[in-house]
Amino acid sequence: MDTAARSAAGPAPAPSGSLPVPAATAPAPAPGSPPEWGGSRLAGVLTMVGCGVSNQVGAALGSLAFPVLGPAGVVAIRQYVAAVVLVTVGRPRLRSFTARQWWPVVLLALVFGTMNLSLYTAIDRIGLGLAVTLEFLGPLAVALAGSRRRIDACCALIAGLGVVTLMRPRPSADHLGMGLGLLAAVCWASYILLNRTVGRRIPGVQGSAAAAGLSALAFLPVGAVVVVRNPPTVGALGYAVAAGVLASAVPYLADVFTLRRVPAQVFGLFMSVNPVLAALAGWLMLGQELGGVEWAAIGAVVAANALSMLVPPR
């Protein structure tokens, strides 16, 4: 749920399919003015780093439950946790929603579930680092698509070269897994745009809370099938719940704190390191080693976002 797209899409998306957060309430600095790094800003930056680590560690822990629950089972539990957090915070007044408000909420719920399911299935097939890098193209594309600057065209080219490198033909390539990673990217881009529509039509996070609740309801049959076919162990359930907390609840609460303390540009710049954090979490926690070419491709995608965020508009 979150990138360069935060400044382009209104309410900020959270990283790697986590939760939507309200836009920052702090006044934006004047264009071209340097950021003020007081104690509040430093706390915001430290929170961003912790949020990124929490998100990717949560995804890695969820991966440990794949042998028992499968990606679909882990995602189902993640959706349940997300619904509990958002419905508790947002308290949506469902009876007051009109048809014009309901249709983007329903689409958002569909995209939310598809995004997480495709991402976690991709993680199972191609590893955490590569899956998150491909998913990251979604918000990056939204941010670059709304720009007419030459530097952003160059950034798009750099990111494209990185993706081509990741998806180059080779005997060990899992093209289905890569395709699922790209599907997650499309879903994340759609999620950003739908969140913007929902935010305009429904106050606060009521729309996002309703979408999370609908998505969780849709995954109830999935959870039931997983339990019947392969009864989960306590350890697998613990990993899946930890994934829901670390990759959904913590990022949501952290982003609410952060977006009130740091400029959107700084936020987007720090969010660009998520593919690197994902690759490190996959390596340290799951033993998913990457070669030099893969690291270079991940670096290209990260650099594309960082360059776009660092160069100020004229």
Protein backbone atom coordinates (compact mmCIF):
# COMPACT_ATOMS: atom_id res chain seq x y z
CA MET A 1 0.00 0.00 0.00
CA ASP A 2 2.62 2.89 -0.54
CA THR A 3 6.65 5.60 -3.35
CA ALA A 4 6.76 8.28 -5.84
CA ALA A 5 3.08 7.70 -6.40
CA ARG A 6 2.17 9.06 -2.97
CA SER A 7 2.61 12.60 -4.20
CA ALA A 8 0.89 11.82 -7.48
CA ALA A 9 -2.16 10.01 -6.17
CA GLY A 10 -3.49 11.98 -3.22
CA PRO A 11 -3.94 9.65 -0.24
CA ALA A 12 -0.78 7.69 0.14
CA PRO A 13 -0.64 4.02 -0.77
CA ALA A 14 1.11 1.76 1.62
CA PRO A 15 4.00 -0.45 0.49
CA SER A 16 3.59 -3.96 -0.84
CA GLY A 17 -0.13 -4.26 -0.60
CA SER A 18 -0.58 -2.95 2.92
CA LEU A 19 -3.20 -0.40 3.92
CA PRO A 20 -4.19 3.03 2.59
CA VAL A 21 -3.46 5.97 4.82
CA PRO A 22 -4.88 9.47 4.99
CA ALA A 23 -3.00 12.31 3.37
CA ALA A 24 -0.58 14.32 5.43
CA THR A 25 -2.06 17.13 7.48
CA ALA A 26 1.14 19.05 8.00
CA PRO A 27 1.62 22.11 5.76
CA ALA A 28 3.83 21.45 2.76
CA PRO A 29 7.11 23.37 2.51
CA ALA A 30 7.47 26.05 -0.15
CA PRO A 31 8.71 24.77 -3.53
CA GLY A 32 12.48 24.64 -3.66
CA SER A 33 12.91 25.17 0.06
CA PRO A 34 15.19 22.71 1.87
CA PRO A 35 13.52 20.38 4.35
CA GLU A 36 13.85 21.27 8.01
CA TRP A 37 15.36 18.38 9.91
CA GLY A 38 14.11 18.89 13.43
CA GLY A 39 13.37 16.24 16.00
CA SER A 40 9.92 15.63 14.52
CA ARG A 41 11.33 15.09 11.02
CA LEU A 42 14.05 12.78 12.35
CA ALA A 43 11.41 10.75 14.18
CA GLY A 44 9.46 10.55 10.94
CA VAL A 45 12.46 9.29 9.00
CA LEU A 46 13.29 6.68 11.63
CA THR A 47 9.66 5.58 11.55
CA MET A 48 9.82 5.24 7.75
CA VAL A 49 12.88 3.03 7.98
CA GLY A 50 11.25 0.90 10.67
CA CYS A 51 8.05 0.70 8.62
CA GLY A 52 9.95 -0.54 5.56
CA VAL A 53 11.77 -3.16 7.59
CA SER A 54 8.52 -4.24 9.28
CA ASN A 55 6.75 -4.58 5.95
CA GLN A 56 9.41 -6.78 4.35
CA VAL A 57 10.09 -8.83 7.50
CA GLY A 58 6.34 -9.44 7.68
CA ALA A 59 6.30 -10.65 4.08
CA ALA A 60 9.27 -12.94 4.79
CA LEU A 61 7.55 -14.39 7.87
CA GLY A 62 4.43 -14.98 5.83
CA SER A 63 6.54 -16.90 3.33
CA LEU A 64 7.55 -19.31 6.09
CA ALA A 65 3.90 -20.38 6.36
CA PHE A 66 3.62 -21.21 2.64
CA PRO A 67 4.44 -24.93 3.05
CA VAL A 68 1.40 -25.36 5.33
CA LEU A 69 -1.07 -22.63 4.35
CA GLY A 70 0.04 -21.78 0.83
CA PRO A 71 0.10 -18.19 -0.46
CA ALA A 72 -3.72 -18.05 -0.55
CA GLY A 73 -4.01 -19.05 3.11
CA VAL A 74 -1.45 -16.49 4.22
CA VAL A 75 -3.13 -13.76 2.20
CA ALA A 76 -6.52 -14.69 3.68
CA ILE A 77 -5.18 -14.14 7.19
CA ARG A 78 -3.52 -10.90 6.07
CA GLN A 79 -6.86 -9.68 4.75
CA TYR A 80 -8.52 -10.53 8.06
CA VAL A 81 -5.92 -8.55 10.00
CA ALA A 82 -6.18 -5.62 7.59
CA ALA A 83 -9.96 -5.58 7.96
CA VAL A 84 -9.79 -5.61 11.76
CA VAL A 85 -7.34 -2.68 11.77
CA LEU A 86 -9.10 -0.51 9.20
CA VAL A 87 -12.67 -1.18 10.30
CA THR A 88 -11.67 -0.39 13.88
CA VAL A 89 -9.99 2.87 12.84
CA GLY A 90 -12.32 3.92 10.02
CA ARG A 91 -15.69 2.83 11.48
CA PRO A 92 -17.46 2.97 8.10
CA ARG A 93 -21.14 3.93 8.09
CA LEU A 94 -22.15 1.44 5.42
CA ARG A 95 -25.85 2.29 5.45
CA SER A 96 -25.11 5.87 4.45
CA PHE A 97 -23.12 4.89 1.33
CA THR A 98 -24.77 5.68 -1.99
CA ALA A 99 -24.46 3.64 -5.19
CA ARG A 100 -21.98 6.21 -6.48
CA GLN A 101 -19.83 5.61 -3.39
CA TRP A 102 -20.23 1.83 -3.34
CA TRP A 103 -18.92 0.94 -6.81
CA PRO A 104 -15.33 2.26 -6.29
CA VAL A 105 -15.33 0.61 -2.84
CA VAL A 106 -16.23 -2.76 -4.35
CA LEU A 107 -13.57 -2.35 -7.06
CA LEU A 108 -11.03 -1.34 -4.42
CA ALA A 109 -11.83 -4.49 -2.42
CA LEU A 110 -11.35 -6.63 -5.54
CA VAL A 111 -8.05 -4.97 -6.40
CA PHE A 112 -6.86 -5.16 -2.78
CA GLY A 113 -7.34 -8.91 -2.60
CA THR A 114 -5.96 -9.60 -6.07
CA MET A 115 -2.90 -7.45 -5.39
CA ASN A 116 -1.93 -9.34 -2.24
CA LEU A 117 -2.73 -12.76 -3.68
CA SER A 118 -0.69 -12.17 -6.85
CA LEU A 119 2.20 -10.69 -4.86
CA TYR A 120 2.41 -13.54 -2.35
CA THR A 121 2.10 -16.15 -5.08
CA ALA A 122 4.91 -14.38 -6.94
CA ILE A 123 7.01 -14.38 -3.76
CA ASP A 124 6.48 -18.13 -3.50
CA ARG A 125 7.71 -18.63 -7.09
CA ILE A 126 10.46 -16.03 -7.70
CA GLY A 127 11.46 -14.82 -4.24
CA LEU A 128 10.71 -11.78 -2.13
CA GLY A 129 13.19 -9.33 -3.64
CA LEU A 130 12.24 -9.82 -7.29
CA ALA A 131 8.49 -9.94 -6.57
CA VAL A 132 8.50 -6.68 -4.61
CA THR A 133 10.67 -5.01 -7.26
CA LEU A 134 8.20 -5.91 -10.00
CA GLU A 135 5.24 -4.83 -7.86
CA PHE A 136 6.97 -1.50 -7.19
CA LEU A 137 6.60 -0.65 -10.88
CA GLY A 138 2.90 0.04 -10.25
CA PRO A 139 3.21 3.19 -8.13
CA LEU A 140 6.30 4.25 -10.08
CA ALA A 141 4.28 4.09 -13.32
CA VAL A 142 1.46 6.15 -11.79
CA ALA A 143 3.92 8.82 -10.70
CA LEU A 144 5.77 8.97 -14.01
CA ALA A 145 2.63 8.84 -16.14
CA GLY A 146 1.40 12.12 -14.70
CA SER A 147 4.62 13.94 -15.56
CA ARG A 148 5.84 15.59 -18.75
CA ARG A 149 9.44 16.13 -17.65
CA ARG A 150 12.30 14.71 -19.66
CA ILE A 151 13.96 13.45 -16.50
CA ASP A 152 10.90 11.30 -15.78
CA ALA A 153 11.04 9.84 -19.29
CA CYS A 154 14.64 8.88 -18.55
CA CYS A 155 13.55 7.38 -15.22
CA ALA A 156 10.92 5.31 -17.00
CA LEU A 157 13.58 4.07 -19.42
CA ILE A 158 15.92 3.13 -16.56
CA ALA A 159 13.15 1.23 -14.76
CA GLY A 160 12.16 -0.48 -18.00
CA LEU A 161 15.71 -1.65 -18.59
CA GLY A 162 15.77 -3.04 -15.06
CA VAL A 163 12.58 -5.00 -15.68
CA VAL A 164 13.83 -6.35 -19.01
CA THR A 165 16.97 -7.51 -17.21
CA LEU A 166 14.96 -9.25 -14.51
CA MET A 167 12.73 -10.97 -17.05
CA ARG A 168 15.44 -11.93 -19.54
CA PRO A 169 15.05 -15.45 -20.99
CA ARG A 170 17.08 -18.08 -19.14
CA PRO A 171 16.59 -21.74 -18.22
CA SER A 172 15.71 -21.03 -14.59
CA ALA A 173 13.30 -18.16 -15.31
CA ASP A 174 9.81 -18.52 -13.83
CA HIS A 175 7.77 -16.42 -16.21
CA LEU A 176 4.50 -17.20 -14.45
CA GLY A 177 5.93 -15.86 -11.21
CA MET A 178 7.19 -12.77 -13.01
CA GLY A 179 3.82 -12.28 -14.64
CA LEU A 180 2.17 -12.46 -11.23
CA GLY A 181 4.61 -9.81 -9.97
CA LEU A 182 3.59 -7.55 -12.87
CA LEU A 183 -0.08 -8.29 -12.14
CA ALA A 184 0.56 -7.10 -8.58
CA ALA A 185 2.07 -3.92 -10.06
CA VAL A 186 -1.03 -3.31 -12.19
CA CYS A 187 -3.22 -3.91 -9.15
CA TRP A 188 -1.16 -1.51 -7.02
CA ALA A 189 -1.45 1.20 -9.68
CA SER A 190 -5.21 0.59 -9.86
CA TYR A 191 -5.35 0.58 -6.06
CA ILE A 192 -3.76 4.04 -5.95
CA LEU A 193 -6.16 5.50 -8.50
CA LEU A 194 -9.21 3.90 -6.88
CA ASN A 195 -8.12 5.12 -3.46
CA ARG A 196 -8.04 8.63 -4.88
CA THR A 197 -11.62 8.24 -6.13
CA VAL A 198 -12.81 6.69 -2.87
CA GLY A 199 -11.10 9.45 -0.88
CA ARG A 200 -12.95 12.13 -2.85
CA ARG A 201 -16.36 10.51 -2.36
CA ILE A 202 -16.19 9.16 1.19
CA PRO A 203 -14.75 11.06 4.18
CA GLY A 204 -11.74 9.84 6.10
CA VAL A 205 -10.79 6.21 5.67
CA GLN A 206 -14.36 4.91 5.77
CA GLY A 207 -14.20 3.83 2.11
CA SER A 208 -10.89 2.05 2.53
CA ALA A 209 -12.17 0.38 5.71
CA ALA A 210 -15.27 -0.84 3.90
CA ALA A 211 -13.12 -2.17 1.05
CA ALA A 212 -10.86 -4.03 3.49
CA GLY A 213 -13.91 -5.54 5.15
CA LEU A 214 -15.38 -6.70 1.83
CA SER A 215 -12.05 -8.19 0.80
CA ALA A 216 -11.81 -10.09 4.08
CA LEU A 217 -15.33 -11.44 3.59
CA ALA A 218 -14.40 -12.61 0.09
CA PHE A 219 -11.45 -14.53 1.56
CA LEU A 220 -13.52 -16.34 4.21
CA PRO A 221 -14.21 -19.29 1.85
CA VAL A 222 -10.49 -19.40 1.01
CA GLY A 223 -9.60 -19.64 4.67
CA ALA A 224 -12.21 -22.34 5.22
CA VAL A 225 -10.91 -24.45 2.32
CA VAL A 226 -7.32 -24.12 3.57
CA VAL A 227 -8.30 -25.23 7.08
CA VAL A 228 -10.31 -28.23 5.81
CA ARG A 229 -7.74 -29.47 3.29
CA ASN A 230 -4.64 -28.89 5.36
CA PRO A 231 -5.21 -28.09 9.04
CA PRO A 232 -2.75 -25.34 9.97
CA THR A 233 -0.13 -25.73 12.64
CA VAL A 234 0.29 -23.24 15.45
CA GLY A 235 3.59 -22.12 13.94
CA ALA A 236 2.10 -21.50 10.49
CA LEU A 237 -0.78 -19.50 11.96
CA GLY A 238 1.70 -17.49 14.01
CA TYR A 239 3.76 -16.64 10.93
CA ALA A 240 0.65 -15.63 8.97
CA VAL A 241 -0.72 -13.46 11.78
CA ALA A 242 2.72 -11.87 12.20
CA ALA A 243 2.70 -11.11 8.49
CA GLY A 244 -0.66 -9.43 8.84
CA VAL A 245 0.47 -7.33 11.79
CA LEU A 246 3.92 -6.39 10.47
CA ALA A 247 2.91 -5.89 6.82
CA SER A 248 -0.55 -4.36 7.40
CA ALA A 249 -1.19 -2.91 10.86
CA VAL A 250 2.28 -1.52 11.59
CA PRO A 251 2.74 0.18 8.17
CA TYR A 252 -0.71 1.75 8.42
CA LEU A 253 -0.10 3.25 11.86
CA ALA A 254 3.47 4.22 10.98
CA ASP A 255 2.42 6.01 7.80
CA VAL A 256 -0.20 8.03 9.65
CA PHE A 257 2.60 9.19 11.98
CA THR A 258 5.17 9.75 9.24
CA LEU A 259 3.08 11.67 6.71
CA ARG A 260 2.48 14.40 9.27
CA ARG A 261 6.19 14.92 9.87
CA VAL A 262 8.08 14.62 6.60
CA PRO A 263 7.54 16.12 3.12
CA ALA A 264 5.94 13.88 0.51
CA GLN A 265 9.14 14.09 -1.57
CA VAL A 266 11.25 12.69 1.28
CA PHE A 267 8.61 10.06 1.96
CA GLY A 268 8.65 8.90 -1.66
CA LEU A 269 12.45 8.81 -1.71
CA PHE A 270 12.63 6.59 1.36
CA MET A 271 9.87 4.35 0.03
CA SER A 272 12.03 3.62 -3.01
CA VAL A 273 14.36 1.47 -0.90
CA ASN A 274 11.63 -1.13 -0.30
CA PRO A 275 12.83 -3.44 -3.11
CA VAL A 276 16.30 -3.41 -1.53
CA LEU A 277 14.86 -4.14 1.91
CA ALA A 278 12.80 -6.96 0.40
CA ALA A 279 15.87 -8.46 -1.26
CA LEU A 280 17.81 -8.27 2.02
CA ALA A 281 14.94 -9.82 3.99
CA GLY A 282 14.69 -12.62 1.43
CA TRP A 283 18.42 -13.25 1.65
CA LEU A 284 18.78 -13.09 5.45
CA MET A 285 15.52 -14.78 6.48
CA LEU A 286 14.71 -17.10 3.57
CA GLY A 287 18.12 -17.84 2.07
CA GLN A 288 17.06 -16.34 -1.30
CA GLU A 289 20.36 -15.26 -2.80
CA LEU A 290 20.46 -12.94 -5.81
CA GLY A 291 23.17 -12.63 -8.41
CA GLY A 292 24.92 -9.45 -9.46
CA VAL A 293 22.62 -8.98 -12.46
CA GLU A 294 19.50 -9.17 -10.28
CA TRP A 295 20.94 -6.68 -7.79
CA ALA A 296 21.78 -4.33 -10.64
CA ALA A 297 18.24 -4.58 -12.01
CA ILE A 298 16.74 -3.88 -8.56
CA GLY A 299 19.14 -0.95 -8.24
CA ALA A 300 17.93 0.42 -11.59
CA VAL A 301 14.29 0.44 -10.46
CA VAL A 302 15.21 2.06 -7.13
CA ALA A 303 17.42 4.63 -8.87
CA ALA A 304 14.61 5.52 -11.29
CA ASN A 305 12.29 6.38 -8.42
CA ALA A 306 14.97 8.18 -6.41
CA LEU A 307 16.06 10.28 -9.39
CA SER A 308 12.49 11.27 -10.17
CA MET A 309 11.94 12.33 -6.55
CA LEU A 310 15.25 14.17 -6.13
CA VAL A 311 15.05 16.38 -9.23
CA PRO A 312 12.70 19.27 -8.36
CA PRO A 313 10.12 20.48 -10.88
CA ARG A 314 10.98 23.64 -12.74
